Amino acid sequence: MEHMKHIKLGGQIGTDPNFALATHTGHSKAGAKHSDPQPKMQLTQEEQDIYDGKKGDVLQKAIKTVVAYGQLFGAEKLVNLGGAPHHAVSWGSDGVEPLLKIYKQLVDAGLKTYAPFTADPKPMDPVHLLVTPEEQATVDKIYNRMDELQELNLKLGMRSEKDWSCACYVPEMGNTPEYGDYLAWSESSAINYVNSVIGARTNRNSMGIDMLCNILGKAPQFGLLTDEGRQAVWLIDVKTTKMPHPEMIGSAIGLKVMEDVSFITGMGRFISEINEETSGYLKDLGAATASNGAVGRYHMEGVTPEAVERGRDLLKDGYQTYVIDDAELDRIYKSYPNLWKDKQGTPQRVFLGCPHMTYGQMTEWGKRIVDAMEKAGKTEIGVPTYMFGSQYVKDAFEKRNPEVAKKLKELGVSIPINCPMMWCSTPVEGAELVATNSNKTRVYTTARFFFDDVLTELIVTGKLPASVA
């Protein structure tokens, strides 16, 4: 018990803050049946040789673990993976020591992932998101094995020391799978995006399982890797009078369908195609479904690739319908709790972007802040403000928008490359009053969600509007 006390982070983060009754694989528990014994998986000769230990005992352990995992969910075979891996483990601490031990065994055996991989953002950015020396010392004790994690990752096949981002699929990052690729990813928002917006196929894998699958280059075929598992059991009928906020509609869907696949209609009035602008919207919508629920994918009529290809044939017989109108979104927003210790306090920081911003989002928010400050005649922001994105997106933004980037820096806006959700979850930072535009950050931490116009006023004036304070 003393050891457990030592490694406990003590923050707000958890795998299931909503206490959702879900498998958390993206594979719905609906209709699941107990099978004893579990069905035996059919392996190819190559896979059987690995299973029998002919390619070494470490690789044997890996495939036995993956096979057992797949059999629990009724998988009958393994499929070959394409694209490139992405992993969610991004914090080196005593809390993930078992995974670090597994990683070291893989490294010592000379194994690497089937393709170079990316990983979720680190928990802290000491350059662009400053803390006091005392706070930094505490953080260093918590994340005391970051160097070890990075070294192991690089030896296992991580692309470079820059490749940390939860939005690895954006063009600037370059880890963008193709339609139909089988993957074994573990970051919930990235899983949702590639399943829904790109049409690749991955379950919501647990951390550790993702690495073993990606070492093997194979994953068990069940759930979202199957045609049947990608069919929708919910029809989401959007009847709002204007384009719904992505975080709100995503939150509503996640809370209603939990981990089931949905088919969204009524959005054709607002979105006609997937492009640089709409991809950010779809990213945030999906991330909210994945954090407010455990959703691994959605279809959007006339927009997402499988919905364009198959239309309402994707709906299973007996599907349920959920109508989302203005009143329903208002109800969802009003249900959000205020977890600040000082309920009526003034925010100490503004966090924009979780998952990491796309280039389009960073550009839009950068111009929004600069324009609002100039209109107000202000030369310094009213509250510390941070726009989170990968190093690659940040570099592209600064290169393509030098004047806006320069003005933001002069105003005091920073662009960190770490994970805001994880930053808010440390004991050092958990007590701060953080305002955010991210439902994911709101769900997993004590941060409060606000709409864009409210956050803009807060950034300019340093105060929340009286109507929401």
Protein backbone atom coordinates (compact mmCIF):
# COMPACT_ATOMS: atom_id res chain seq x y z
CA MET A 1 0.00 0.00 0.00
CA GLU A 2 2.85 2.39 0.73
CA HIS A 3 4.14 1.85 -2.80
CA MET A 4 0.69 2.58 -4.23
CA LYS A 5 0.52 5.81 -2.24
CA HIS A 6 3.90 6.76 -3.66
CA ILE A 7 2.92 6.37 -7.29
CA LYS A 8 -0.60 7.79 -7.07
CA LEU A 9 -0.79 11.02 -9.08
CA GLY A 10 -3.63 12.44 -7.03
CA GLY A 11 -5.11 14.47 -9.88
CA GLN A 12 -8.46 14.40 -11.62
CA ILE A 13 -7.65 12.12 -14.54
CA GLY A 14 -9.28 8.71 -14.86
CA THR A 15 -10.19 6.20 -17.53
CA ASP A 16 -13.90 6.65 -16.98
CA PRO A 17 -14.98 9.85 -15.19
CA ASN A 18 -18.60 9.24 -16.22
CA PHE A 19 -18.65 5.72 -14.72
CA ALA A 20 -19.86 4.49 -18.09
CA LEU A 21 -20.93 0.87 -18.37
CA ALA A 22 -18.90 0.21 -21.50
CA THR A 23 -16.28 -2.17 -22.84
CA HIS A 24 -14.12 0.85 -23.78
CA THR A 25 -12.95 -0.90 -26.94
CA GLY A 26 -15.44 0.77 -29.25
CA HIS A 27 -17.03 -2.69 -29.46
CA SER A 28 -20.52 -2.40 -28.00
CA LYS A 29 -21.50 -4.69 -25.16
CA ALA A 30 -25.03 -4.86 -26.63
CA GLY A 31 -25.83 -8.42 -27.63
CA ALA A 32 -22.64 -9.79 -26.10
CA LYS A 33 -22.90 -13.43 -25.10
CA HIS A 34 -20.85 -15.48 -22.70
CA SER A 35 -18.85 -18.21 -24.40
CA ASP A 36 -17.06 -20.91 -22.43
CA PRO A 37 -14.58 -21.93 -23.61
CA GLN A 38 -13.57 -18.99 -25.76
CA PRO A 39 -13.49 -19.77 -29.52
CA LYS A 40 -10.03 -20.74 -30.75
CA MET A 41 -8.48 -18.19 -33.07
CA GLN A 42 -7.40 -19.38 -36.51
CA LEU A 43 -3.76 -18.45 -37.03
CA THR A 44 -1.70 -18.43 -40.21
CA GLN A 45 1.42 -20.60 -40.28
CA GLU A 46 3.57 -17.52 -39.66
CA GLU A 47 1.44 -16.54 -36.66
CA GLN A 48 1.44 -20.10 -35.34
CA ASP A 49 5.23 -20.22 -35.50
CA ILE A 50 5.39 -17.03 -33.42
CA TYR A 51 2.81 -18.47 -31.03
CA ASP A 52 4.89 -21.65 -30.66
CA GLY A 53 7.98 -19.65 -29.76
CA LYS A 54 9.92 -20.22 -32.96
CA LYS A 55 10.63 -16.47 -33.30
CA GLY A 56 11.70 -15.96 -29.69
CA ASP A 57 10.05 -15.98 -26.29
CA VAL A 58 9.36 -12.21 -26.15
CA LEU A 59 7.50 -12.21 -29.46
CA GLN A 60 5.71 -15.33 -28.26
CA LYS A 61 4.52 -13.49 -25.15
CA ALA A 62 3.33 -10.63 -27.35
CA ILE A 63 1.21 -12.77 -29.66
CA LYS A 64 -0.20 -14.88 -26.84
CA THR A 65 -1.36 -11.71 -25.10
CA VAL A 66 -2.90 -10.30 -28.27
CA VAL A 67 -4.62 -13.58 -29.13
CA ALA A 68 -6.08 -13.90 -25.63
CA TYR A 69 -7.32 -10.32 -25.83
CA GLY A 70 -8.95 -10.94 -29.19
CA GLN A 71 -10.59 -14.18 -28.10
CA LEU A 72 -12.28 -12.37 -25.20
CA PHE A 73 -14.20 -10.37 -27.81
CA GLY A 74 -14.85 -13.24 -30.19
CA ALA A 75 -12.14 -12.49 -32.75
CA GLU A 76 -11.52 -15.44 -35.07
CA LYS A 77 -8.35 -14.19 -36.72
CA LEU A 78 -5.64 -11.54 -36.79
CA VAL A 79 -5.41 -8.94 -39.55
CA ASN A 80 -2.31 -7.24 -40.91
CA LEU A 81 -1.93 -3.60 -39.92
CA GLY A 82 -1.34 -0.75 -42.34
CA GLY A 83 -0.65 2.95 -42.07
CA ALA A 84 1.47 3.65 -39.01
CA PRO A 85 1.05 3.17 -35.26
CA HIS A 86 0.08 5.80 -32.72
CA HIS A 87 0.39 5.26 -28.96
CA ALA A 88 -1.32 6.97 -26.03
CA VAL A 89 1.36 6.39 -23.34
CA SER A 90 3.09 9.76 -23.10
CA TRP A 91 3.93 10.17 -19.43
CA GLY A 92 6.91 8.50 -17.82
CA SER A 93 6.13 7.86 -14.17
CA ASP A 94 6.19 5.06 -11.63
CA GLY A 95 2.49 4.68 -12.38
CA VAL A 96 3.29 3.10 -15.77
CA GLU A 97 6.24 1.05 -14.56
CA PRO A 98 4.68 -2.27 -15.76
CA LEU A 99 4.48 -0.89 -19.29
CA LEU A 100 8.02 0.44 -19.13
CA LYS A 101 9.20 -3.04 -18.12
CA ILE A 102 7.39 -4.56 -21.11
CA TYR A 103 8.86 -1.91 -23.40
CA LYS A 104 12.35 -2.71 -22.12
CA GLN A 105 11.87 -6.42 -22.79
CA LEU A 106 10.83 -5.59 -26.34
CA VAL A 107 13.87 -3.35 -26.81
CA ASP A 108 16.25 -5.94 -25.35
CA ALA A 109 14.85 -8.48 -27.81
CA GLY A 110 15.66 -6.10 -30.68
CA LEU A 111 12.02 -5.64 -31.67
CA LYS A 112 10.46 -2.59 -33.34
CA THR A 113 7.00 -1.55 -34.47
CA TYR A 114 6.01 -2.47 -38.03
CA ALA A 115 6.30 1.22 -39.01
CA PRO A 116 7.62 4.36 -37.28
CA PHE A 117 5.08 5.64 -34.76
CA THR A 118 3.84 8.82 -33.11
CA ALA A 119 2.64 9.25 -29.52
CA ASP A 120 0.33 11.45 -27.47
CA PRO A 121 1.72 14.78 -26.19
CA LYS A 122 3.86 14.93 -23.10
CA PRO A 123 2.22 16.12 -19.85
CA MET A 124 4.33 19.25 -19.44
CA ASP A 125 5.96 21.93 -21.60
CA PRO A 126 8.48 23.73 -19.35
CA VAL A 127 9.31 26.26 -22.07
CA HIS A 128 5.87 27.47 -23.17
CA LEU A 129 3.74 26.72 -20.09
CA LEU A 130 5.73 27.95 -17.14
CA VAL A 131 5.35 26.97 -13.48
CA THR A 132 7.24 28.11 -10.42
CA PRO A 133 10.50 26.35 -9.49
CA GLU A 134 8.71 24.71 -6.55
CA GLU A 135 5.92 23.44 -8.81
CA GLN A 136 8.43 22.22 -11.38
CA ALA A 137 10.23 20.24 -8.69
CA THR A 138 6.97 18.51 -7.77
CA VAL A 139 6.19 17.78 -11.41
CA ASP A 140 9.67 16.34 -11.91
CA LYS A 141 9.00 13.92 -9.06
CA ILE A 142 5.71 12.82 -10.60
CA TYR A 143 6.97 12.42 -14.15
CA ASN A 144 10.35 11.16 -13.09
CA ARG A 145 10.74 8.68 -15.96
CA MET A 146 10.06 10.83 -19.01
CA ASP A 147 13.60 10.45 -20.35
CA GLU A 148 13.34 6.68 -19.93
CA LEU A 149 10.02 6.57 -21.80
CA GLN A 150 11.34 8.68 -24.67
CA GLU A 151 14.50 6.61 -24.99
CA LEU A 152 12.49 3.37 -25.09
CA ASN A 153 10.05 4.83 -27.61
CA LEU A 154 12.84 5.90 -29.95
CA LYS A 155 14.40 2.45 -29.79
CA LEU A 156 11.03 0.82 -30.47
CA GLY A 157 10.42 2.90 -33.58
CA MET A 158 9.13 6.37 -32.64
CA ARG A 159 9.74 8.73 -35.56
CA SER A 160 11.60 11.45 -33.64
CA GLU A 161 11.72 13.48 -30.43
CA LYS A 162 9.19 15.92 -31.98
CA ASP A 163 6.44 13.41 -32.71
CA TRP A 164 4.22 13.89 -29.66
CA SER A 165 0.62 14.87 -30.45
CA CYS A 166 -2.87 13.44 -29.95
CA ALA A 167 -3.79 14.79 -33.41
CA CYS A 168 -1.17 12.76 -35.25
CA TYR A 169 -3.40 12.44 -38.33
CA VAL A 170 -3.27 16.10 -39.40
CA PRO A 171 -1.26 16.76 -42.60
CA GLU A 172 1.51 18.59 -40.76
CA MET A 173 2.15 15.55 -38.52
CA GLY A 174 1.99 13.14 -41.43
CA ASN A 175 0.70 10.04 -39.63
CA THR A 176 -2.48 9.95 -41.71
CA PRO A 177 -3.81 6.46 -42.46
CA GLU A 178 -5.73 5.65 -45.61
CA TYR A 179 -9.30 4.53 -46.04
CA GLY A 180 -9.63 0.88 -45.01
CA ASP A 181 -6.28 0.60 -43.21
CA TYR A 182 -6.33 -1.67 -40.16
CA LEU A 183 -4.75 0.01 -37.11
CA ALA A 184 -4.18 -0.69 -33.42
CA TRP A 185 -4.38 2.75 -31.80
CA SER A 186 -5.17 3.68 -28.19
CA GLU A 187 -5.79 7.46 -28.13
CA SER A 188 -9.58 7.81 -27.98
CA SER A 189 -9.90 11.06 -29.96
CA ALA A 190 -7.50 9.90 -32.68
CA ILE A 191 -9.31 6.57 -32.90
CA ASN A 192 -12.62 8.35 -33.34
CA TYR A 193 -11.23 10.64 -36.02
CA VAL A 194 -9.56 8.02 -38.20
CA ASN A 195 -12.52 5.64 -37.92
CA SER A 196 -15.08 8.33 -38.69
CA VAL A 197 -13.47 10.99 -40.87
CA ILE A 198 -10.88 8.91 -42.73
CA GLY A 199 -12.50 5.47 -42.76
CA ALA A 200 -9.53 3.55 -41.36
CA ARG A 201 -10.32 0.78 -38.86
CA THR A 202 -9.19 0.53 -35.25
CA ASN A 203 -10.73 -0.50 -31.96
CA ARG A 204 -10.20 1.51 -28.78
CA ASN A 205 -7.22 -0.53 -27.65
CA SER A 206 -5.81 -0.37 -24.17
CA MET A 207 -2.31 0.98 -23.66
CA GLY A 208 0.14 -1.87 -23.87
CA ILE A 209 -2.07 -3.90 -26.18
CA ASP A 210 -1.47 -1.22 -28.81
CA MET A 211 2.30 -1.63 -28.55
CA LEU A 212 2.15 -5.43 -28.70
CA CYS A 213 -0.11 -5.32 -31.76
CA ASN A 214 2.17 -2.82 -33.43
CA ILE A 215 5.26 -4.90 -32.69
CA LEU A 216 3.52 -7.85 -34.34
CA GLY A 217 2.00 -5.76 -37.12
CA LYS A 218 -1.26 -7.56 -36.42
CA ALA A 219 -4.48 -7.02 -34.46
CA PRO A 220 -7.45 -9.24 -33.60
CA GLN A 221 -10.39 -8.64 -35.91
CA PHE A 222 -13.50 -7.76 -33.93
CA GLY A 223 -15.68 -4.72 -33.27
CA LEU A 224 -14.74 -1.71 -35.36
CA LEU A 225 -12.44 -3.81 -37.54
CA THR A 226 -15.47 -5.62 -38.97
CA ASP A 227 -18.17 -4.46 -41.38
CA GLU A 228 -20.91 -5.40 -38.91
CA GLY A 229 -19.21 -3.61 -36.04
CA ARG A 230 -19.15 -0.37 -38.03
CA GLN A 231 -22.90 -0.32 -38.63
CA ALA A 232 -24.96 2.24 -36.71
CA VAL A 233 -27.53 1.36 -34.07
CA TRP A 234 -28.50 5.01 -33.45
CA LEU A 235 -29.85 7.61 -35.87
CA ILE A 236 -29.00 11.09 -34.59
CA ASP A 237 -31.49 13.55 -36.08
CA VAL A 238 -30.06 17.08 -35.80
CA LYS A 239 -32.79 19.72 -35.86
CA THR A 240 -30.95 22.77 -34.54
CA THR A 241 -31.66 26.22 -35.98
CA LYS A 242 -27.96 26.88 -36.56
CA MET A 243 -24.75 24.90 -36.83
CA PRO A 244 -24.36 23.22 -33.43
CA HIS A 245 -21.19 23.73 -31.46
CA PRO A 246 -19.05 20.60 -32.04
CA GLU A 247 -18.38 20.11 -28.34
CA MET A 248 -22.09 20.33 -27.51
CA ILE A 249 -23.39 17.94 -30.15
CA GLY A 250 -20.50 15.57 -29.47
CA SER A 251 -21.25 15.66 -25.76
CA ALA A 252 -24.94 14.97 -26.36
CA ILE A 253 -24.19 12.00 -28.62
CA GLY A 254 -21.60 10.51 -26.29
CA LEU A 255 -23.87 10.72 -23.25
CA LYS A 256 -26.76 9.12 -25.16
CA VAL A 257 -25.17 6.31 -27.22
CA MET A 258 -22.26 5.63 -24.81
CA GLU A 259 -20.10 3.44 -27.08
CA ASP A 260 -22.47 2.53 -29.89
CA VAL A 261 -22.02 3.65 -33.49
CA SER A 262 -24.32 6.47 -34.61
CA PHE A 263 -25.48 7.81 -37.98
CA ILE A 264 -25.86 11.60 -37.84
CA THR A 265 -28.39 13.28 -40.14
CA GLY A 266 -29.36 16.92 -40.58
CA MET A 267 -25.79 18.24 -40.73
CA GLY A 268 -25.74 18.61 -44.51
CA ARG A 269 -27.10 22.15 -44.03
CA PHE A 270 -23.81 23.10 -42.38
CA ILE A 271 -21.09 20.76 -43.70
CA SER A 272 -20.79 19.65 -47.31
CA GLU A 273 -17.28 18.20 -47.37
CA ILE A 274 -14.21 17.41 -45.30
CA ASN A 275 -11.58 20.12 -45.68
CA GLU A 276 -9.08 22.13 -43.62
CA GLU A 277 -11.90 24.04 -41.91
CA THR A 278 -14.40 21.26 -41.28
CA SER A 279 -11.81 18.69 -40.20
CA GLY A 280 -11.25 20.60 -36.96
CA TYR A 281 -14.99 20.66 -36.31
CA LEU A 282 -15.30 16.91 -36.90
CA LYS A 283 -12.23 16.29 -34.71
CA ASP A 284 -13.77 18.12 -31.76
CA LEU A 285 -17.20 16.57 -32.25
CA GLY A 286 -15.66 13.10 -32.22
CA ALA A 287 -13.42 13.80 -29.24
CA ALA A 288 -16.44 14.89 -27.21
CA THR A 289 -18.32 11.68 -28.07
CA ALA A 290 -15.26 9.70 -27.04
CA SER A 291 -14.80 11.44 -23.67
CA ASN A 292 -18.42 12.10 -22.66
CA GLY A 293 -19.08 8.52 -23.72
CA ALA A 294 -16.78 5.87 -25.13
CA VAL A 295 -17.60 6.27 -28.81
CA GLY A 296 -15.11 4.84 -31.29
CA ARG A 297 -16.75 6.10 -34.48
CA TYR A 298 -19.72 7.90 -36.01
CA HIS A 299 -21.12 8.35 -39.51
CA MET A 300 -22.33 11.70 -40.84
CA GLU A 301 -24.74 11.55 -43.75
CA GLY A 302 -23.22 12.89 -46.96
CA VAL A 303 -19.94 13.81 -45.24
CA THR A 304 -17.90 10.94 -43.78
CA PRO A 305 -16.58 8.46 -46.36
CA GLU A 306 -18.53 5.35 -45.42
CA ALA A 307 -21.74 7.37 -45.13
CA VAL A 308 -21.13 8.82 -48.58
CA GLU A 309 -20.46 5.33 -49.94
CA ARG A 310 -23.31 3.41 -48.30
CA GLY A 311 -25.77 6.00 -46.98
CA ARG A 312 -28.50 4.79 -44.65
CA ASP A 313 -27.70 1.17 -45.44
CA LEU A 314 -25.26 1.59 -42.56
CA LEU A 315 -28.19 1.65 -40.12
CA LYS A 316 -28.92 -1.70 -38.50
CA ASP A 317 -32.47 -3.01 -38.31
CA GLY A 318 -34.17 -1.82 -35.14
CA TYR A 319 -32.01 1.27 -34.71
CA GLN A 320 -33.00 3.90 -32.16
CA THR A 321 -33.50 7.60 -32.91
CA TYR A 322 -32.25 10.54 -30.85
CA VAL A 323 -33.39 14.05 -31.81
CA ILE A 324 -31.00 16.89 -31.02
CA ASP A 325 -32.48 20.39 -31.14
CA ASP A 326 -31.57 23.72 -29.56
CA ALA A 327 -33.34 22.87 -26.31
CA GLU A 328 -31.51 19.57 -25.98
CA LEU A 329 -28.10 21.19 -26.43
CA ASP A 330 -29.04 23.85 -23.90
CA ARG A 331 -30.02 21.11 -21.45
CA ILE A 332 -26.68 19.36 -21.96
CA TYR A 333 -24.71 22.56 -21.37
CA LYS A 334 -26.62 23.40 -18.20
CA SER A 335 -25.90 19.93 -16.84
CA TYR A 336 -22.15 20.56 -16.74
CA PRO A 337 -20.93 20.83 -13.14
CA ASN A 338 -18.73 23.65 -11.88
CA LEU A 339 -15.78 21.86 -10.26
CA TRP A 340 -13.77 24.94 -9.39
CA LYS A 341 -12.94 25.16 -5.70
CA ASP A 342 -13.90 28.84 -5.87
CA LYS A 343 -17.17 28.53 -7.79
CA GLN A 344 -17.36 32.23 -8.63
CA GLY A 345 -13.63 32.78 -9.01
CA THR A 346 -11.83 34.51 -11.85
CA PRO A 347 -10.09 32.10 -14.26
CA GLN A 348 -6.35 31.96 -13.89
CA ARG A 349 -5.63 30.49 -17.33
CA VAL A 350 -7.40 29.89 -20.65
CA PHE A 351 -6.65 26.60 -22.41
CA LEU A 352 -7.61 26.32 -26.10
CA GLY A 353 -7.28 23.04 -27.94
CA CYS A 354 -7.75 19.51 -26.67
CA PRO A 355 -7.26 17.47 -28.79
CA HIS A 356 -4.39 19.47 -30.24
CA MET A 357 -5.44 22.22 -32.64
CA THR A 358 -5.39 21.73 -36.38
CA TYR A 359 -3.61 24.35 -38.48
CA GLY A 360 -6.99 25.86 -39.38
CA GLN A 361 -8.05 26.11 -35.73
CA MET A 362 -4.77 27.68 -34.66
CA THR A 363 -5.05 30.23 -37.47
CA GLU A 364 -8.70 31.01 -36.69
CA TRP A 365 -8.08 31.46 -32.96
CA GLY A 366 -4.90 33.45 -33.54
CA LYS A 367 -6.73 35.94 -35.78
CA ARG A 368 -9.73 36.01 -33.43
CA ILE A 369 -7.59 37.00 -30.45
CA VAL A 370 -5.55 39.58 -32.36
CA ASP A 371 -8.65 41.18 -33.86
CA ALA A 372 -10.48 41.29 -30.52
CA MET A 373 -7.49 42.84 -28.75
CA GLU A 374 -7.01 45.46 -31.45
CA LYS A 375 -10.71 46.31 -31.41
CA ALA A 376 -10.54 46.79 -27.63
CA GLY A 377 -7.35 48.84 -27.89
CA LYS A 378 -5.50 46.43 -25.59
CA THR A 379 -1.82 45.53 -25.82
CA GLU A 380 -1.71 42.73 -23.23
CA ILE A 381 -4.14 39.87 -22.70
CA GLY A 382 -6.22 39.91 -19.54
CA VAL A 383 -5.51 36.32 -18.50
CA PRO A 384 -2.71 33.90 -19.46
CA THR A 385 -3.85 32.15 -22.66
CA TYR A 386 -2.49 29.04 -24.33
CA MET A 387 -3.22 27.50 -27.74
CA PHE A 388 -2.17 23.85 -27.70
CA GLY A 389 -0.83 22.13 -30.81
CA SER A 390 1.91 19.86 -32.08
CA GLN A 391 5.35 21.23 -32.88
CA TYR A 392 4.64 20.64 -36.58
CA VAL A 393 1.36 22.59 -36.58
CA LYS A 394 2.94 25.35 -34.52
CA ASP A 395 5.84 25.63 -36.99
CA ALA A 396 3.42 25.74 -39.95
CA PHE A 397 1.26 28.38 -38.29
CA GLU A 398 4.21 30.64 -37.48
CA LYS A 399 5.71 30.22 -40.95
CA ARG A 400 2.49 30.89 -42.85
CA ASN A 401 1.15 33.62 -40.53
CA PRO A 402 4.25 35.49 -39.30
CA GLU A 403 2.46 38.76 -38.47
CA VAL A 404 -0.32 37.08 -36.47
CA ALA A 405 2.20 34.87 -34.67
CA LYS A 406 4.33 37.91 -33.82
CA LYS A 407 1.34 39.85 -32.48
CA LEU A 408 0.18 36.90 -30.38
CA LYS A 409 3.60 36.66 -28.77
CA GLU A 410 3.61 40.39 -28.05
CA LEU A 411 0.14 40.10 -26.49
CA GLY A 412 1.34 37.29 -24.23
CA VAL A 413 -0.34 34.30 -25.90
CA SER A 414 1.72 31.11 -25.80
CA ILE A 415 1.59 27.94 -27.93
CA PRO A 416 2.58 24.94 -25.80
CA ILE A 417 3.01 21.47 -27.33
CA ASN A 418 2.04 19.41 -24.28
CA CYS A 419 -1.29 17.87 -23.21
CA PRO A 420 -3.52 20.42 -21.42
CA MET A 421 -5.73 17.71 -19.95
CA MET A 422 -2.78 15.95 -18.34
CA TRP A 423 -1.30 19.23 -17.17
CA CYS A 424 -4.56 20.04 -15.37
CA SER A 425 -4.58 16.59 -13.78
CA THR A 426 -1.41 16.92 -11.74
CA PRO A 427 -1.69 17.73 -8.01
CA VAL A 428 0.31 20.90 -8.61
CA GLU A 429 -2.08 22.33 -11.18
CA GLY A 430 -5.41 20.68 -10.35
CA ALA A 431 -6.49 23.48 -8.03
CA GLU A 432 -6.07 26.22 -10.63
CA LEU A 433 -9.17 27.78 -12.15
CA VAL A 434 -8.84 26.89 -15.83
CA ALA A 435 -11.32 27.96 -18.51
CA THR A 436 -11.37 25.86 -21.66
CA ASN A 437 -13.11 25.32 -25.00
CA SER A 438 -12.52 21.57 -24.76
CA ASN A 439 -15.12 19.10 -23.53
CA LYS A 440 -12.39 16.50 -23.12
CA THR A 441 -10.41 18.72 -20.76
CA ARG A 442 -13.64 19.52 -18.91
CA VAL A 443 -14.56 15.84 -18.50
CA TYR A 444 -11.22 14.67 -17.16
CA THR A 445 -10.26 17.65 -14.97
CA THR A 446 -11.71 20.49 -12.89
CA ALA A 447 -11.52 22.92 -15.84
CA ARG A 448 -14.77 24.68 -16.84
CA PHE A 449 -16.08 24.73 -20.39
CA PHE A 450 -17.09 28.02 -22.00
CA PHE A 451 -18.17 28.98 -25.51
CA ASP A 452 -15.81 30.82 -27.83
CA ASP A 453 -17.35 34.29 -27.45
CA VAL A 454 -17.13 34.05 -23.66
CA LEU A 455 -13.50 32.93 -23.80
CA THR A 456 -12.66 35.74 -26.21
CA GLU A 457 -14.09 38.33 -23.83
CA LEU A 458 -12.24 36.69 -20.95
CA ILE A 459 -8.95 36.81 -22.85
CA VAL A 460 -9.42 40.50 -23.65
CA THR A 461 -10.76 41.75 -20.31
CA GLY A 462 -9.50 39.22 -17.80
CA LYS A 463 -13.02 38.69 -16.53
CA LEU A 464 -15.92 36.41 -17.32
CA PRO A 465 -19.07 38.13 -18.63
CA ALA A 466 -21.55 38.78 -15.82
CA SER A 467 -24.08 36.50 -17.51
CA VAL A 468 -21.92 33.38 -16.98
CA ALA A 469 -19.71 34.27 -14.01
